[in-house]
Amino acid sequence: MKYFVAPGEDRKLTADSRGALRGSFIELSDGVTHYELTGPEGGDVVLMAGGLTIPLFYWDGLVSELHAQGLRTLTCSAYGRGYSDRVRARYDERLFTRQLAELTDRLGLTARPLHLVGTSMGALVAMTYAARYRSSVSTLTLVGPAGLARPRLTSPDRLMRSDLLAGVVARHRGLRLLQGHLGHNVRDPELGAELTEMVLGSLRFEGSLYAVFDTLQHLPVTGRDDLFRRTGALGIPTLLLWGDEDTVTPSAYADTARALLKPHRHHSITECGHMAPFERPRDVADQLVPFVSARTERLDP
């Protein structure tokens, strides 16, 4: 799909504009990445991989909970999201995996294995990362992972196969489609409004809708059973979490995920929609902290 600037994208990401924005910035091989490395010095690092539209602010609630338990966190906005560059590239798993790998390397975080967390589409990125950098991953946590729905004619990557069609849809209906998608992510209307404001704010930067819809073209979110199966064969201690009222990646797929991943632990978060780290950060932390701590204790002398 040819790069475009959509109506309403009235801001540009530049060195000057980023000076007034939250977070840190680093130049990687594909572009500038917006990140935050925070929490107790010396704590084990939890690396987060986010979903289709979310900036790093999405993780704030969970980050606070993990810091209180002695863990350090690395969050970043994937290319095309938050304050990271809208790169003119193919938005697929290789791009996002390379971004995470280069970021951890440049920040000097490769000496000790990381605890990797992926949610929704980010779970596919996290699994791809885990396969490529197996020795650098201590534990893997997947929350409401995408990828287990059956491919259909209406699957996003199939609908977007035509560059012309993808460009027309993205330019003229993209924002409306994303607003509708965001409305299904959380149960609480107040949290839903907060999420929508967060995402739409970062979508005002030029190239945002291009990035999202190019991702829908090139990162399949259905029929990924084999990726789950290969991840299960890696032998990485894995935690699987799911909101019991998730309507985006329905919890009906949880049994299939367990059969393929063979996770060491799984848990359903009650009265929770698709975005558990955002909706119920304490509940996610209550599952994540003891899980990663048990693995850390085994590594320590």
Protein backbone atom coordinates (compact mmCIF):
# COMPACT_ATOMS: atom_id res chain seq x y z
CA MET A 1 0.00 0.00 0.00
CA LYS A 2 1.34 3.40 -0.97
CA TYR A 3 2.14 5.75 1.92
CA PHE A 4 -0.48 8.42 2.54
CA VAL A 5 -1.49 11.10 5.02
CA ALA A 6 -5.15 10.82 5.99
CA PRO A 7 -7.57 13.66 6.77
CA GLY A 8 -7.24 14.70 10.41
CA GLU A 9 -3.56 13.74 10.64
CA ASP A 10 -2.48 17.28 11.44
CA ARG A 11 0.66 16.69 13.48
CA LYS A 12 4.21 15.69 12.58
CA LEU A 13 6.73 13.76 14.64
CA THR A 14 10.03 15.65 14.59
CA ALA A 15 12.94 16.07 16.97
CA ASP A 16 11.46 19.40 18.03
CA SER A 17 7.91 18.13 18.56
CA ARG A 18 9.15 15.11 20.52
CA GLY A 19 10.93 17.45 22.96
CA ALA A 20 7.57 18.27 24.53
CA LEU A 21 6.32 14.67 24.61
CA ARG A 22 6.47 12.05 27.30
CA GLY A 23 9.00 9.23 27.18
CA SER A 24 12.42 8.57 25.71
CA PHE A 25 13.44 8.24 22.07
CA ILE A 26 16.10 6.24 20.29
CA GLU A 27 17.10 5.94 16.63
CA LEU A 28 17.02 2.31 15.46
CA SER A 29 17.66 0.92 12.00
CA ASP A 30 14.08 1.42 10.81
CA GLY A 31 13.37 4.70 12.59
CA VAL A 32 12.91 6.46 15.92
CA THR A 33 11.29 4.39 18.69
CA HIS A 34 9.36 5.85 21.59
CA TYR A 35 10.07 3.90 24.80
CA GLU A 36 10.16 3.99 28.60
CA LEU A 37 12.54 1.92 30.72
CA THR A 38 11.42 2.45 34.31
CA GLY A 39 11.17 0.78 37.68
CA PRO A 40 13.54 -0.45 40.39
CA GLU A 41 17.19 -0.57 39.38
CA GLY A 42 18.38 -4.15 39.36
CA GLY A 43 14.90 -5.58 38.99
CA ASP A 44 14.20 -8.23 36.38
CA VAL A 45 12.98 -6.59 33.16
CA VAL A 46 9.50 -7.22 31.77
CA LEU A 47 9.29 -6.33 28.07
CA MET A 48 5.83 -5.51 26.67
CA ALA A 49 4.59 -6.03 23.10
CA GLY A 50 1.33 -4.21 22.39
CA GLY A 51 -1.62 -4.67 20.05
CA LEU A 52 -2.76 -3.15 16.78
CA THR A 53 -3.36 0.48 17.80
CA ILE A 54 -2.01 1.02 21.30
CA PRO A 55 0.76 3.41 22.38
CA LEU A 56 2.96 2.60 25.35
CA PHE A 57 0.62 4.53 27.70
CA TYR A 58 -1.69 1.51 27.52
CA TRP A 59 0.61 -0.30 29.96
CA ASP A 60 0.72 2.40 32.67
CA GLY A 61 -1.53 0.66 35.18
CA LEU A 62 0.27 -2.66 34.90
CA VAL A 63 3.67 -0.95 34.96
CA SER A 64 2.83 0.68 38.31
CA GLU A 65 1.75 -2.66 39.76
CA LEU A 66 4.94 -4.40 38.58
CA HIS A 67 7.19 -1.65 39.92
CA ALA A 68 5.58 -2.03 43.34
CA GLN A 69 6.60 -5.69 43.22
CA GLY A 70 10.25 -4.94 42.37
CA LEU A 71 10.12 -5.54 38.62
CA ARG A 72 11.56 -3.20 36.01
CA THR A 73 9.62 -2.58 32.80
CA LEU A 74 10.42 -1.74 29.20
CA THR A 75 7.48 -0.47 27.18
CA CYS A 76 7.59 0.94 23.68
CA SER A 77 5.23 2.14 20.99
CA ALA A 78 5.49 -0.06 17.93
CA TYR A 79 6.35 1.74 14.71
CA GLY A 80 3.30 3.68 13.56
CA ARG A 81 1.90 3.95 17.11
CA GLY A 82 2.35 6.42 19.93
CA TYR A 83 5.31 8.69 19.26
CA SER A 84 7.36 6.17 17.26
CA ASP A 85 8.13 6.89 13.61
CA ARG A 86 5.57 6.16 10.92
CA VAL A 87 8.07 4.27 8.82
CA ARG A 88 7.55 3.67 5.11
CA ALA A 89 8.04 -0.06 5.36
CA ARG A 90 6.18 -3.36 5.40
CA TYR A 91 4.44 -3.55 8.78
CA ASP A 92 4.81 -7.23 9.59
CA GLU A 93 6.12 -9.39 12.42
CA ARG A 94 9.71 -9.04 11.23
CA LEU A 95 9.56 -5.26 11.55
CA PHE A 96 8.13 -5.31 15.06
CA THR A 97 10.39 -8.15 16.21
CA ARG A 98 13.45 -6.33 14.88
CA GLN A 99 12.33 -3.21 16.73
CA LEU A 100 12.17 -5.05 20.06
CA ALA A 101 15.49 -6.82 19.48
CA GLU A 102 17.35 -3.65 18.54
CA LEU A 103 15.79 -1.73 21.41
CA THR A 104 16.84 -4.24 24.07
CA ASP A 105 20.31 -4.49 22.55
CA ARG A 106 20.85 -0.71 22.40
CA LEU A 107 19.66 -0.34 26.00
CA GLY A 108 22.10 -3.01 27.18
CA LEU A 109 19.44 -5.47 28.33
CA THR A 110 20.73 -8.63 26.70
CA ALA A 111 22.94 -9.93 29.52
CA ARG A 112 20.02 -11.52 31.38
CA PRO A 113 16.88 -13.14 29.90
CA LEU A 114 13.78 -10.97 29.84
CA HIS A 115 10.20 -11.66 30.80
CA LEU A 116 8.18 -11.08 27.63
CA VAL A 117 4.50 -10.06 27.64
CA GLY A 118 2.35 -9.81 24.51
CA THR A 119 -1.30 -8.86 24.21
CA SER A 120 -3.68 -9.32 21.26
CA MET A 121 -1.70 -8.80 18.03
CA GLY A 122 1.36 -8.18 20.20
CA ALA A 123 1.13 -11.80 21.30
CA LEU A 124 1.95 -12.83 17.71
CA VAL A 125 4.94 -10.50 17.76
CA ALA A 126 6.00 -11.85 21.15
CA MET A 127 5.83 -15.45 19.93
CA THR A 128 7.85 -14.56 16.83
CA TYR A 129 10.43 -12.82 19.02
CA ALA A 130 10.59 -15.80 21.40
CA ALA A 131 11.31 -18.19 18.54
CA ARG A 132 14.05 -16.03 17.07
CA TYR A 133 15.67 -15.03 20.37
CA ARG A 134 14.91 -18.08 22.48
CA SER A 135 17.89 -17.67 24.81
CA SER A 136 16.91 -14.11 25.69
CA VAL A 137 13.42 -15.00 26.92
CA SER A 138 13.00 -16.24 30.48
CA THR A 139 9.20 -16.38 30.51
CA LEU A 140 6.42 -15.65 28.04
CA THR A 141 3.03 -14.26 29.00
CA LEU A 142 0.26 -14.00 26.42
CA VAL A 143 -2.91 -12.04 27.15
CA GLY A 144 -5.96 -12.47 24.93
CA PRO A 145 -3.78 -13.48 21.97
CA ALA A 146 -4.95 -12.95 18.42
CA GLY A 147 -4.39 -15.56 15.73
CA LEU A 148 -6.72 -18.48 16.44
CA ALA A 149 -9.80 -17.43 14.49
CA ARG A 150 -10.30 -19.27 11.23
CA PRO A 151 -9.37 -17.37 8.05
CA ARG A 152 -12.42 -16.08 6.20
CA LEU A 153 -13.03 -14.01 3.11
CA THR A 154 -13.66 -11.10 5.47
CA SER A 155 -10.39 -11.56 7.41
CA PRO A 156 -8.48 -8.22 7.47
CA ASP A 157 -5.43 -9.51 5.62
CA ARG A 158 -7.65 -10.94 2.86
CA LEU A 159 -9.78 -7.83 2.53
CA MET A 160 -6.61 -5.72 2.32
CA ARG A 161 -4.79 -7.78 -0.31
CA SER A 162 -5.50 -5.14 -2.92
CA ASP A 163 -3.30 -2.10 -2.34
CA LEU A 164 -5.87 0.07 -4.10
CA LEU A 165 -8.76 -1.19 -1.95
CA ALA A 166 -6.70 -0.98 1.23
CA GLY A 167 -5.72 2.60 0.49
CA VAL A 168 -9.29 3.68 -0.27
CA VAL A 169 -10.71 2.03 2.87
CA ALA A 170 -7.94 3.40 5.08
CA ARG A 171 -8.22 6.97 3.80
CA HIS A 172 -11.99 7.30 3.77
CA ARG A 173 -13.28 4.95 6.47
CA GLY A 174 -10.20 4.02 8.47
CA LEU A 175 -10.74 6.28 11.45
CA ARG A 176 -14.40 5.32 11.77
CA LEU A 177 -13.54 1.61 11.60
CA LEU A 178 -10.90 1.97 14.30
CA GLN A 179 -13.26 3.90 16.56
CA GLY A 180 -15.77 1.08 16.25
CA HIS A 181 -13.06 -1.48 17.01
CA LEU A 182 -11.95 0.39 20.13
CA GLY A 183 -15.49 0.41 21.45
CA HIS A 184 -15.45 -3.40 21.72
CA ASN A 185 -12.19 -3.69 23.64
CA VAL A 186 -13.24 -2.93 27.23
CA ARG A 187 -16.39 -3.47 29.32
CA ASP A 188 -16.33 -0.24 31.35
CA PRO A 189 -17.60 2.75 29.30
CA GLU A 190 -15.37 5.19 31.22
CA LEU A 191 -12.29 3.08 30.51
CA GLY A 192 -13.48 2.75 26.93
CA ALA A 193 -13.59 6.53 26.59
CA GLU A 194 -10.10 6.81 28.12
CA LEU A 195 -8.76 4.19 25.71
CA THR A 196 -10.35 5.89 22.71
CA GLU A 197 -8.92 9.27 23.67
CA MET A 198 -5.47 7.73 24.16
CA VAL A 199 -5.41 6.01 20.80
CA LEU A 200 -7.07 8.75 18.77
CA GLY A 201 -4.63 11.32 20.17
CA SER A 202 -1.67 9.45 18.72
CA LEU A 203 -3.50 8.81 15.44
CA ARG A 204 -3.32 12.53 14.68
CA PHE A 205 0.32 12.16 13.63
CA GLU A 206 0.92 11.88 9.88
CA GLY A 207 1.09 8.33 8.55
CA SER A 208 -0.81 6.69 11.43
CA LEU A 209 -3.68 5.18 9.47
CA TYR A 210 -1.24 4.06 6.80
CA ALA A 211 0.70 2.19 9.47
CA VAL A 212 -2.35 0.51 11.00
CA PHE A 213 -3.85 -0.60 7.71
CA ASP A 214 -0.52 -1.74 6.29
CA THR A 215 -0.25 -3.91 9.43
CA LEU A 216 -3.68 -5.38 8.70
CA GLN A 217 -2.41 -6.17 5.20
CA HIS A 218 0.81 -7.87 6.19
CA LEU A 219 0.43 -9.32 9.69
CA PRO A 220 -2.20 -12.09 9.57
CA VAL A 221 -4.32 -12.27 12.71
CA THR A 222 -6.18 -15.48 11.78
CA GLY A 223 -5.11 -19.04 11.14
CA ARG A 224 -1.90 -18.83 13.17
CA ASP A 225 -2.21 -22.22 14.87
CA ASP A 226 1.23 -23.26 13.69
CA LEU A 227 2.86 -20.25 15.39
CA PHE A 228 1.18 -21.25 18.66
CA ARG A 229 2.29 -24.86 18.17
CA ARG A 230 5.90 -23.87 17.48
CA THR A 231 5.88 -21.60 20.52
CA GLY A 232 4.66 -24.43 22.69
CA ALA A 233 7.57 -26.55 21.48
CA LEU A 234 10.17 -23.96 22.56
CA GLY A 235 9.98 -25.02 26.19
CA ILE A 236 9.68 -21.45 27.49
CA PRO A 237 7.68 -21.21 30.74
CA THR A 238 4.43 -19.70 29.49
CA LEU A 239 1.51 -17.99 31.21
CA LEU A 240 -1.78 -17.63 29.32
CA LEU A 241 -4.31 -15.02 30.50
CA TRP A 242 -7.72 -14.25 29.05
CA GLY A 243 -10.61 -11.96 29.91
CA ASP A 244 -13.74 -14.06 30.27
CA GLU A 245 -15.83 -11.43 28.42
CA ASP A 246 -13.35 -10.80 25.60
CA THR A 247 -15.33 -10.25 22.38
CA VAL A 248 -12.34 -9.37 20.16
CA THR A 249 -10.35 -12.57 20.68
CA PRO A 250 -13.10 -14.59 22.39
CA SER A 251 -12.17 -16.81 25.31
CA ALA A 252 -13.76 -19.67 23.35
CA TYR A 253 -10.32 -19.97 21.72
CA ALA A 254 -8.63 -20.50 25.09
CA ASP A 255 -8.92 -24.29 24.92
CA THR A 256 -7.25 -24.33 21.51
CA ALA A 257 -4.53 -22.01 22.78
CA ARG A 258 -3.85 -24.28 25.75
CA ALA A 259 -3.69 -27.37 23.55
CA LEU A 260 -1.17 -25.74 21.21
CA LEU A 261 0.92 -23.73 23.68
CA LYS A 262 0.90 -26.17 26.59
CA PRO A 263 1.31 -23.24 29.01
CA HIS A 264 2.71 -23.84 32.49
CA ARG A 265 -0.17 -21.82 33.88
CA HIS A 266 -3.41 -20.36 32.55
CA HIS A 267 -6.01 -18.14 34.16
CA SER A 268 -9.31 -16.52 33.19
CA ILE A 269 -9.88 -13.00 34.53
CA THR A 270 -13.53 -12.60 35.44
CA GLU A 271 -15.67 -9.68 34.29
CA CYS A 272 -12.93 -8.55 31.93
CA GLY A 273 -12.92 -7.74 28.23
CA HIS A 274 -10.13 -7.85 25.64
CA MET A 275 -7.60 -5.49 27.21
CA ALA A 276 -6.88 -7.07 30.57
CA PRO A 277 -3.59 -5.18 31.22
CA PHE A 278 -5.50 -1.91 30.75
CA GLU A 279 -8.80 -2.92 32.35
CA ARG A 280 -7.58 -5.06 35.24
CA PRO A 281 -3.87 -4.32 35.78
CA ARG A 282 -3.84 -5.54 39.38
CA ASP A 283 -5.40 -8.87 38.43
CA VAL A 284 -2.85 -9.32 35.64
CA ALA A 285 -0.01 -8.41 38.02
CA ASP A 286 -1.33 -10.87 40.61
CA GLN A 287 -0.87 -13.64 38.06
CA LEU A 288 2.29 -12.36 36.39
CA VAL A 289 4.44 -11.48 39.42
CA PRO A 290 4.47 -14.90 41.14
CA PHE A 291 4.87 -16.61 37.78
CA VAL A 292 7.99 -14.67 36.78
CA SER A 293 9.35 -14.62 40.34
CA ALA A 294 9.29 -18.42 40.53
CA ARG A 295 11.38 -18.62 37.36
CA THR A 296 13.78 -15.90 38.55
CA GLU A 297 14.43 -17.75 41.80
CA ARG A 298 15.42 -20.85 39.84
CA LEU A 299 17.93 -18.82 37.83
CA ASP A 300 19.52 -17.12 40.84
CA PRO A 301 22.46 -18.88 42.52
